[in-house]
PDB file of N, CA and C in Angstrom:
ATOM      1  N   MET A   1     -13.270  -4.500   6.953  1.00  0.00           N
ATOM      2  CA  MET A   1     -12.000  -5.125   6.566  1.00  0.00           C
ATOM      3  C   MET A   1     -11.138  -4.507   7.764  1.00  0.00           C
ATOM      4  N   LEU A   2     -10.247  -5.923   8.128  1.00  0.00           N
ATOM      5  CA  LEU A   2      -9.199  -5.722   9.114  1.00  0.00           C
ATOM      6  C   LEU A   2      -7.837  -5.183   8.657  1.00  0.00           C
ATOM      7  N   LEU A   3      -7.406  -4.060   9.007  1.00  0.00           N
ATOM      8  CA  LEU A   3      -6.298  -3.356   8.581  1.00  0.00           C
ATOM      9  C   LEU A   3      -5.364  -3.099   9.746  1.00  0.00           C
ATOM     10  N   LYS A   4      -4.373  -3.647   9.406  1.00  0.00           N
ATOM     11  CA  LYS A   4      -2.921  -3.523  10.609  1.00  0.00           C
ATOM     12  C   LYS A   4      -1.885  -3.080   9.667  1.00  0.00           C
ATOM     13  N   LYS A   5      -0.978  -2.407  10.410  1.00  0.00           N
ATOM     14  CA  LYS A   5       0.476  -2.221   9.873  1.00  0.00           C
ATOM     15  C   LYS A   5       1.044  -3.563   9.758  1.00  0.00           C
ATOM     16  N   GLY A   6       1.638  -3.689   8.684  1.00  0.00           N
ATOM     17  CA  GLY A   6       2.511  -4.786   8.403  1.00  0.00           C
ATOM     18  C   GLY A   6       1.785  -5.875   7.762  1.00  0.00           C
ATOM     19  N   ILE A   7       0.535  -5.988   7.638  1.00  0.00           N
ATOM     20  CA  ILE A   7      -0.023  -6.910   6.530  1.00  0.00           C
ATOM     21  C   ILE A   7       0.017  -6.992   5.208  1.00  0.00           C
ATOM     22  N   GLN A   8      -0.199  -7.727   4.327  1.00  0.00           N
ATOM     23  CA  GLN A   8      -0.101  -7.820   2.927  1.00  0.00           C
ATOM     24  C   GLN A   8      -1.448  -7.602   2.298  1.00  0.00           C
ATOM     25  N   VAL A   9      -1.180  -6.791   1.282  1.00  0.00           N
ATOM     26  CA  VAL A   9      -2.381  -6.385   0.594  1.00  0.00           C
ATOM     27  C   VAL A   9      -2.270  -6.388  -0.753  1.00  0.00           C
ATOM     28  N   LYS A  10      -3.396  -6.262  -1.613  1.00  0.00           N
ATOM     29  CA  LYS A  10      -2.934  -6.357  -3.136  1.00  0.00           C
ATOM     30  C   LYS A  10      -4.144  -5.153  -3.657  1.00  0.00           C
ATOM     31  N   ILE A  11      -3.332  -4.501  -4.681  1.00  0.00           N
ATOM     32  CA  ILE A  11      -4.075  -3.325  -5.249  1.00  0.00           C
ATOM     33  C   ILE A  11      -4.928  -3.689  -6.294  1.00  0.00           C
ATOM     34  N   ILE A  12      -6.094  -3.280  -6.163  1.00  0.00           N
ATOM     35  CA  ILE A  12      -7.226  -3.602  -7.163  1.00  0.00           C
ATOM     36  C   ILE A  12      -7.643  -2.722  -8.265  1.00  0.00           C
ATOM     37  N   THR A  13      -7.293  -1.586  -8.007  1.00  0.00           N
ATOM     38  CA  THR A  13      -7.497  -0.505  -9.003  1.00  0.00           C
ATOM     39  C   THR A  13      -6.454   0.652  -9.134  1.00  0.00           C
ATOM     40  N   GLY A  14      -6.322   1.206 -10.067  1.00  0.00           N
ATOM     41  CA  GLY A  14      -5.145   2.358 -10.116  1.00  0.00           C
ATOM     42  C   GLY A  14      -4.067   1.891 -11.150  1.00  0.00           C
ATOM     43  N   LYS A  15      -3.186   2.804 -10.840  1.00  0.00           N
ATOM     44  CA  LYS A  15      -2.009   2.683 -12.091  1.00  0.00           C
ATOM     45  C   LYS A  15      -0.971   1.456 -11.407  1.00  0.00           C
ATOM     46  N   ASP A  16      -1.091   1.219 -10.260  1.00  0.00           N
ATOM     47  CA  ASP A  16      -0.300   0.104  -9.872  1.00  0.00           C
ATOM     48  C   ASP A  16      -1.414  -1.439  -9.310  1.00  0.00           C
ATOM     49  N   LYS A  17      -2.264  -1.339 -10.353  1.00  0.00           N
ATOM     50  CA  LYS A  17      -3.305  -2.609 -10.152  1.00  0.00           C
ATOM     51  C   LYS A  17      -2.321  -3.810 -10.212  1.00  0.00           C
ATOM     52  N   GLY A  18      -2.809  -4.599  -9.421  1.00  0.00           N
ATOM     53  CA  GLY A  18      -2.355  -6.172  -9.408  1.00  0.00           C
ATOM     54  C   GLY A  18      -0.777  -6.243  -8.443  1.00  0.00           C
ATOM     55  N   LYS A  19      -0.461  -5.440  -8.037  1.00  0.00           N
ATOM     56  CA  LYS A  19       0.842  -5.372  -7.375  1.00  0.00           C
ATOM     57  C   LYS A  19       0.451  -5.631  -5.894  1.00  0.00           C
ATOM     58  N   THR A  20       1.257  -6.222  -5.074  1.00  0.00           N
ATOM     59  CA  THR A  20       1.093  -6.544  -3.719  1.00  0.00           C
ATOM     60  C   THR A  20       2.226  -5.779  -2.698  1.00  0.00           C
ATOM     61  N   GLY A  21       1.807  -5.565  -1.561  1.00  0.00           N
ATOM     62  CA  GLY A  21       2.787  -4.902  -0.728  1.00  0.00           C
ATOM     63  C   GLY A  21       2.181  -4.911   0.801  1.00  0.00           C
ATOM     64  N   GLU A  22       3.204  -4.369   1.411  1.00  0.00           N
ATOM     65  CA  GLU A  22       2.881  -4.302   3.001  1.00  0.00           C
ATOM     66  C   GLU A  22       2.616  -2.945   3.485  1.00  0.00           C
ATOM     67  N   ILE A  23       1.687  -2.744   4.433  1.00  0.00           N
ATOM     68  CA  ILE A  23       1.006  -1.577   4.868  1.00  0.00           C
ATOM     69  C   ILE A  23       2.043  -1.133   5.715  1.00  0.00           C
ATOM     70  N   LEU A  24       2.564   0.395   5.671  1.00  0.00           N
ATOM     71  CA  LEU A  24       3.577   1.060   6.425  1.00  0.00           C
ATOM     72  C   LEU A  24       2.752   1.918   7.412  1.00  0.00           C
ATOM     73  N   GLU A  25       1.793   2.509   6.969  1.00  0.00           N
ATOM     74  CA  GLU A  25       1.253   3.606   7.616  1.00  0.00           C
ATOM     75  C   GLU A  25      -0.456   3.651   7.350  1.00  0.00           C
ATOM     76  N   ILE A  26      -1.303   3.967   8.502  1.00  0.00           N
ATOM     77  CA  ILE A  26      -2.659   4.095   8.182  1.00  0.00           C
ATOM     78  C   ILE A  26      -3.294   5.135   8.743  1.00  0.00           C
ATOM     79  N   ASP A  27      -3.911   6.054   8.098  1.00  0.00           N
ATOM     80  CA  ASP A  27      -4.661   7.239   8.342  1.00  0.00           C
ATOM     81  C   ASP A  27      -6.152   6.935   8.508  1.00  0.00           C
ATOM     82  N   ARG A  28      -6.645   6.588   9.528  1.00  0.00           N
ATOM     83  CA  ARG A  28      -8.156   6.059   9.751  1.00  0.00           C
ATOM     84  C   ARG A  28      -9.322   7.211   9.606  1.00  0.00           C
ATOM     85  N   LYS A  29      -8.677   8.455  10.164  1.00  0.00           N
ATOM     86  CA  LYS A  29      -9.601   9.700   9.829  1.00  0.00           C
ATOM     87  C   LYS A  29     -10.084   9.808   8.492  1.00  0.00           C
ATOM     88  N   LEU A  30      -9.190   9.703   7.445  1.00  0.00           N
ATOM     89  CA  LEU A  30      -9.109   9.871   6.014  1.00  0.00           C
ATOM     90  C   LEU A  30      -9.477   8.584   5.415  1.00  0.00           C
ATOM     91  N   GLY A  31      -9.173   7.467   5.958  1.00  0.00           N
ATOM     92  CA  GLY A  31      -9.592   6.079   5.354  1.00  0.00           C
ATOM     93  C   GLY A  31      -8.363   5.767   4.374  1.00  0.00           C
ATOM     94  N   LYS A  32      -7.110   6.175   4.547  1.00  0.00           N
ATOM     95  CA  LYS A  32      -6.106   6.054   3.449  1.00  0.00           C
ATOM     96  C   LYS A  32      -4.914   5.081   4.041  1.00  0.00           C
ATOM     97  N   LEU A  33      -4.098   4.617   3.241  1.00  0.00           N
ATOM     98  CA  LEU A  33      -2.932   3.759   3.444  1.00  0.00           C
ATOM     99  C   LEU A  33      -1.612   4.076   2.737  1.00  0.00           C
ATOM    100  N   LYS A  34      -0.589   3.854   3.634  1.00  0.00           N
ATOM    101  CA  LYS A  34       0.648   3.953   2.656  1.00  0.00           C
ATOM    102  C   LYS A  34       1.090   2.667   2.662  1.00  0.00           C
ATOM    103  N   ILE A  35       1.495   2.140   1.228  1.00  0.00           N
ATOM    104  CA  ILE A  35       1.762   0.743   1.281  1.00  0.00           C
ATOM    105  C   ILE A  35       3.327   0.821   0.477  1.00  0.00           C
ATOM    106  N   LYS A  36       4.180  -0.209   0.837  1.00  0.00           N
ATOM    107  CA  LYS A  36       5.469  -0.324   0.573  1.00  0.00           C
ATOM    108  C   LYS A  36       5.762  -0.439  -0.944  1.00  0.00           C
ATOM    109  N   SER A  37       6.409   0.544  -1.493  1.00  0.00           N
ATOM    110  CA  SER A  37       6.640   0.841  -3.089  1.00  0.00           C
ATOM    111  C   SER A  37       5.475   0.670  -3.911  1.00  0.00           C
ATOM    112  N   ILE A  38       4.227   1.161  -3.383  1.00  0.00           N
ATOM    113  CA  ILE A  38       3.040   1.365  -4.229  1.00  0.00           C
ATOM    114  C   ILE A  38       2.888   2.761  -4.138  1.00  0.00           C
ATOM    115  N   ASN A  39       2.463   3.322  -5.127  1.00  0.00           N
ATOM    116  CA  ASN A  39       1.811   4.802  -5.474  1.00  0.00           C
ATOM    117  C   ASN A  39       3.071   5.845  -5.209  1.00  0.00           C
ATOM    118  N   MET A  40       4.350   5.526  -5.977  1.00  0.00           N
ATOM    119  CA  MET A  40       5.546   6.346  -5.735  1.00  0.00           C
ATOM    120  C   MET A  40       5.187   7.787  -6.338  1.00  0.00           C
ATOM    121  N   ILE A  41       5.825   8.720  -5.577  1.00  0.00           N
ATOM    122  CA  ILE A  41       5.584  10.116  -6.100  1.00  0.00           C
ATOM    123  C   ILE A  41       7.172  10.700  -6.076  1.00  0.00           C
ATOM    124  N   LYS A  42       7.456  11.843  -6.721  1.00  0.00           N
ATOM    125  CA  LYS A  42       8.799  12.578  -6.554  1.00  0.00           C
ATOM    126  C   LYS A  42       8.595  13.643  -5.857  1.00  0.00           C
ATOM    127  N   ARG A  43       9.562  13.956  -4.858  1.00  0.00           N
ATOM    128  CA  ARG A  43       9.638  15.071  -3.998  1.00  0.00           C
ATOM    129  C   ARG A  43      10.743  15.823  -4.362  1.00  0.00           C
ATOM    130  N   HIS A  44      10.601  17.245  -4.501  1.00  0.00           N
ATOM    131  CA  HIS A  44      11.932  18.177  -4.633  1.00  0.00           C
ATOM    132  C   HIS A  44      12.070  18.580  -3.044  1.00  0.00           C
ATOM    133  N   LEU A  45      13.230  18.312  -2.530  1.00  0.00           N
ATOM    134  CA  LEU A  45      13.673  19.054  -1.262  1.00  0.00           C
ATOM    135  C   LEU A  45      15.057  19.761  -1.358  1.00  0.00           C
ATOM    136  N   LYS A  46      14.708  20.753  -0.735  1.00  0.00           N
ATOM    137  CA  LYS A  46      15.852  22.070  -0.552  1.00  0.00           C
ATOM    138  C   LYS A  46      16.866  21.243   0.299  1.00  0.00           C
ATOM    139  N   PRO A  47      18.171  21.622   0.018  1.00  0.00           N
ATOM    140  CA  PRO A  47      19.242  21.008   0.704  1.00  0.00           C
ATOM    141  C   PRO A  47      19.309  21.737   2.291  1.00  0.00           C
ATOM    142  N   THR A  48      19.497  20.969   3.429  1.00  0.00           N
ATOM    143  CA  THR A  48      19.473  21.647   4.716  1.00  0.00           C
ATOM    144  C   THR A  48      20.913  20.813   5.365  1.00  0.00           C
ATOM    145  N   LYS A  49      21.057  21.132   6.615  1.00  0.00           N
ATOM    146  CA  LYS A  49      22.180  20.742   7.284  1.00  0.00           C
ATOM    147  C   LYS A  49      22.269  19.215   7.458  1.00  0.00           C
ATOM    148  N   GLU A  50      20.849  18.505   7.426  1.00  0.00           N
ATOM    149  CA  GLU A  50      20.715  17.228   7.810  1.00  0.00           C
ATOM    150  C   GLU A  50      20.827  16.312   6.493  1.00  0.00           C
ATOM    151  N   ASN A  51      19.997  16.828   5.378  1.00  0.00           N
ATOM    152  CA  ASN A  51      20.172  16.069   4.188  1.00  0.00           C
ATOM    153  C   ASN A  51      20.847  16.836   3.157  1.00  0.00           C
ATOM    154  N   LYS A  52      20.885  16.090   1.903  1.00  0.00           N
ATOM    155  CA  LYS A  52      21.299  16.775   0.943  1.00  0.00           C
ATOM    156  C   LYS A  52      20.623  17.467  -0.146  1.00  0.00           C
ATOM    157  N   GLY A  53      19.292  16.905  -0.037  1.00  0.00           N
ATOM    158  CA  GLY A  53      18.322  17.801  -1.018  1.00  0.00           C
ATOM    159  C   GLY A  53      18.298  16.905  -2.231  1.00  0.00           C
ATOM    160  N   GLY A  54      17.690  17.346  -3.239  1.00  0.00           N
ATOM    161  CA  GLY A  54      17.380  16.892  -4.669  1.00  0.00           C
ATOM    162  C   GLY A  54      16.024  16.202  -4.449  1.00  0.00           C
ATOM    163  N   ILE A  55      15.791  15.318  -5.746  1.00  0.00           N
ATOM    164  CA  ILE A  55      14.704  14.714  -5.960  1.00  0.00           C
ATOM    165  C   ILE A  55      14.679  13.391  -5.393  1.00  0.00           C
ATOM    166  N   ILE A  56      13.635  13.192  -4.494  1.00  0.00           N
ATOM    167  CA  ILE A  56      13.545  11.748  -3.905  1.00  0.00           C
ATOM    168  C   ILE A  56      12.350  11.128  -4.254  1.00  0.00           C
ATOM    169  N   SER A  57      12.190   9.892  -4.201  1.00  0.00           N
ATOM    170  CA  SER A  57      10.956   9.112  -4.450  1.00  0.00           C
ATOM    171  C   SER A  57      10.435   8.503  -3.190  1.00  0.00           C
ATOM    172  N   LYS A  58       9.051   8.561  -2.999  1.00  0.00           N
ATOM    173  CA  LYS A  58       8.434   8.077  -1.590  1.00  0.00           C
ATOM    174  C   LYS A  58       7.076   7.738  -1.805  1.00  0.00           C
ATOM    175  N   GLU A  59       6.582   6.859  -1.009  1.00  0.00           N
ATOM    176  CA  GLU A  59       5.213   6.369  -1.138  1.00  0.00           C
ATOM    177  C   GLU A  59       4.224   7.444  -0.860  1.00  0.00           C
ATOM    178  N   ASN A  60       3.040   7.624  -1.573  1.00  0.00           N
ATOM    179  CA  ASN A  60       1.882   8.568  -0.997  1.00  0.00           C
ATOM    180  C   ASN A  60       0.770   7.633  -0.657  1.00  0.00           C
ATOM    181  N   PHE A  61      -0.265   8.217  -0.036  1.00  0.00           N
ATOM    182  CA  PHE A  61      -1.256   7.569   0.420  1.00  0.00           C
ATOM    183  C   PHE A  61      -2.327   7.162  -0.675  1.00  0.00           C
ATOM    184  N   ILE A  62      -3.109   5.748  -0.568  1.00  0.00           N
ATOM    185  CA  ILE A  62      -3.863   5.476  -1.463  1.00  0.00           C
ATOM    186  C   ILE A  62      -5.359   4.879  -0.558  1.00  0.00           C
ATOM    187  N   HIS A  63      -6.362   5.107  -0.985  1.00  0.00           N
ATOM    188  CA  HIS A  63      -7.528   4.909  -0.379  1.00  0.00           C
ATOM    189  C   HIS A  63      -7.721   3.490  -0.155  1.00  0.00           C
ATOM    190  N   GLN A  64      -8.264   3.133   0.789  1.00  0.00           N
ATOM    191  CA  GLN A  64      -8.618   1.681   1.323  1.00  0.00           C
ATOM    192  C   GLN A  64      -9.762   0.996   0.511  1.00  0.00           C
ATOM    193  N   SER A  65     -10.562   1.546  -0.011  1.00  0.00           N
ATOM    194  CA  SER A  65     -11.379   0.968  -0.977  1.00  0.00           C
ATOM    195  C   SER A  65     -10.611   0.369  -2.339  1.00  0.00           C
ATOM    196  N   ASN A  66      -9.488   0.859  -2.630  1.00  0.00           N
ATOM    197  CA  ASN A  66      -8.581   0.240  -3.775  1.00  0.00           C
ATOM    198  C   ASN A  66      -7.750  -0.907  -3.366  1.00  0.00           C
ATOM    199  N   ILE A  67      -7.871  -1.165  -2.151  1.00  0.00           N
ATOM    200  CA  ILE A  67      -7.079  -2.765  -1.919  1.00  0.00           C
ATOM    201  C   ILE A  67      -7.701  -3.718  -1.509  1.00  0.00           C
ATOM    202  N   LYS A  68      -7.316  -4.750  -1.320  1.00  0.00           N
ATOM    203  CA  LYS A  68      -7.991  -6.340  -0.995  1.00  0.00           C
ATOM    204  C   LYS A  68      -6.743  -6.577   0.011  1.00  0.00           C
ATOM    205  N   ASN A  69      -7.310  -7.302   1.058  1.00  0.00           N
ATOM    206  CA  ASN A  69      -6.532  -8.091   1.976  1.00  0.00           C
ATOM    207  C   ASN A  69      -6.154  -9.251   1.821  1.00  0.00           C
ATOM    208  N   ILE A  70      -4.774  -9.799   1.427  1.00  0.00           N
ATOM    209  CA  ILE A  70      -4.546 -11.192   0.810  1.00  0.00           C
ATOM    210  C   ILE A  70      -4.145 -12.085   1.819  1.00  0.00           C
ATOM    211  N   ASP A  71      -4.030 -11.401   3.123  1.00  0.00           N
ATOM    212  CA  ASP A  71      -3.768 -12.639   4.484  1.00  0.00           C
ATOM    213  C   ASP A  71      -4.867 -13.306   4.688  1.00  0.00           C
ATOM    214  N   ASP A  72      -5.962 -12.598   4.652  1.00  0.00           N
ATOM    215  CA  ASP A  72      -7.289 -13.512   5.107  1.00  0.00           C
ATOM    216  C   ASP A  72      -7.617 -14.423   4.063  1.00  0.00           C
ATOM    217  N   THR A  73      -7.474 -13.827   2.701  1.00  0.00           N
ATOM    218  CA  THR A  73      -7.795 -14.652   1.359  1.00  0.00           C
ATOM    219  C   THR A  73      -7.242 -16.116   1.555  1.00  0.00           C
ATOM    220  N   LYS A  74      -5.899 -16.002   1.751  1.00  0.00           N
ATOM    221  CA  LYS A  74      -4.787 -17.222   1.724  1.00  0.00           C
ATOM    222  C   LYS A  74      -5.251 -18.121   2.794  1.00  0.00           C
ATOM    223  N   LYS A  75      -5.882 -17.789   4.062  1.00  0.00           N
ATOM    224  CA  LYS A  75      -6.081 -18.676   5.059  1.00  0.00           C
ATOM    225  C   LYS A  75      -7.621 -19.297   4.994  1.00  0.00           C
ATOM    226  N   ASN A  76      -8.435 -18.605   4.216  1.00  0.00           N
ATOM    227  CA  ASN A  76      -9.931 -18.901   4.205  1.00  0.00           C
ATOM    228  C   ASN A  76     -10.213 -19.407   2.829  1.00  0.00           C
ATOM    229  N   LYS A  77      -9.334 -19.604   1.938  1.00  0.00           N
ATOM    230  CA  LYS A  77      -9.531 -19.955   0.530  1.00  0.00           C
ATOM    231  C   LYS A  77      -9.938 -21.545   0.470  1.00  0.00           C
ATOM    232  N   LYS A  78     -11.036 -21.975   0.161  1.00  0.00           N
ATOM    233  CA  LYS A  78     -11.434 -23.253  -0.090  1.00  0.00           C
ATOM    234  C   LYS A  78     -11.652 -23.546  -1.363  1.00  0.00           C
ATOM    235  N   THR A  79     -11.253 -24.984  -1.712  1.00  0.00           N
ATOM    236  CA  THR A  79     -11.201 -25.295  -3.262  1.00  0.00           C
ATOM    237  C   THR A  79     -12.490 -26.110  -3.429  1.00  0.00           C
ATOM    238  N   THR A  80     -13.460 -25.725  -4.462  1.00  0.00           N
ATOM    239  CA  THR A  80     -14.481 -26.382  -4.754  1.00  0.00           C
ATOM    240  C   THR A  80     -14.316 -26.929  -6.181  1.00  0.00           C
ATOM    241  N   GLY A  81     -14.903 -28.111  -6.475  1.00  0.00           N
ATOM    242  CA  GLY A  81     -14.723 -28.516  -7.925  1.00  0.00           C
ATOM    243  C   GLY A  81     -15.485 -29.741  -8.169  1.00  0.00           C
ATOM    244  N   LYS A  82     -15.406 -30.218  -9.428  1.00  0.00           N
ATOM    245  CA  LYS A  82     -16.091 -31.688  -9.618  1.00  0.00           C
ATOM    246  C   LYS A  82     -15.329 -32.843  -9.386  1.00  0.00           C
ATOM    247  N   LYS A  83     -16.001 -33.629  -8.635  1.00  0.00           N
ATOM    248  CA  LYS A  83     -15.267 -34.857  -8.100  1.00  0.00           C
ATOM    249  C   LYS A  83     -15.432 -36.235  -8.952  1.00  0.00           C
TER     250      LYS A  83
END
């Protein structure tokens, strides 16, 4: 499967099944991806000079076997039926 940053994918398994999103980051060594607003987790951050701290939500990695590329399926979709 061709995976690039910025393409649209659909989640086929897991807690976010059926949702679609854009790829933000790819880890090719582990075979995992970060997808915009998918697999959100809570992080507790200590206050520093740069940031205020507290509880933030951010995307976590999801395995590439749990997604389907929908950019290619839209282009190559053929309709077959009775005439």
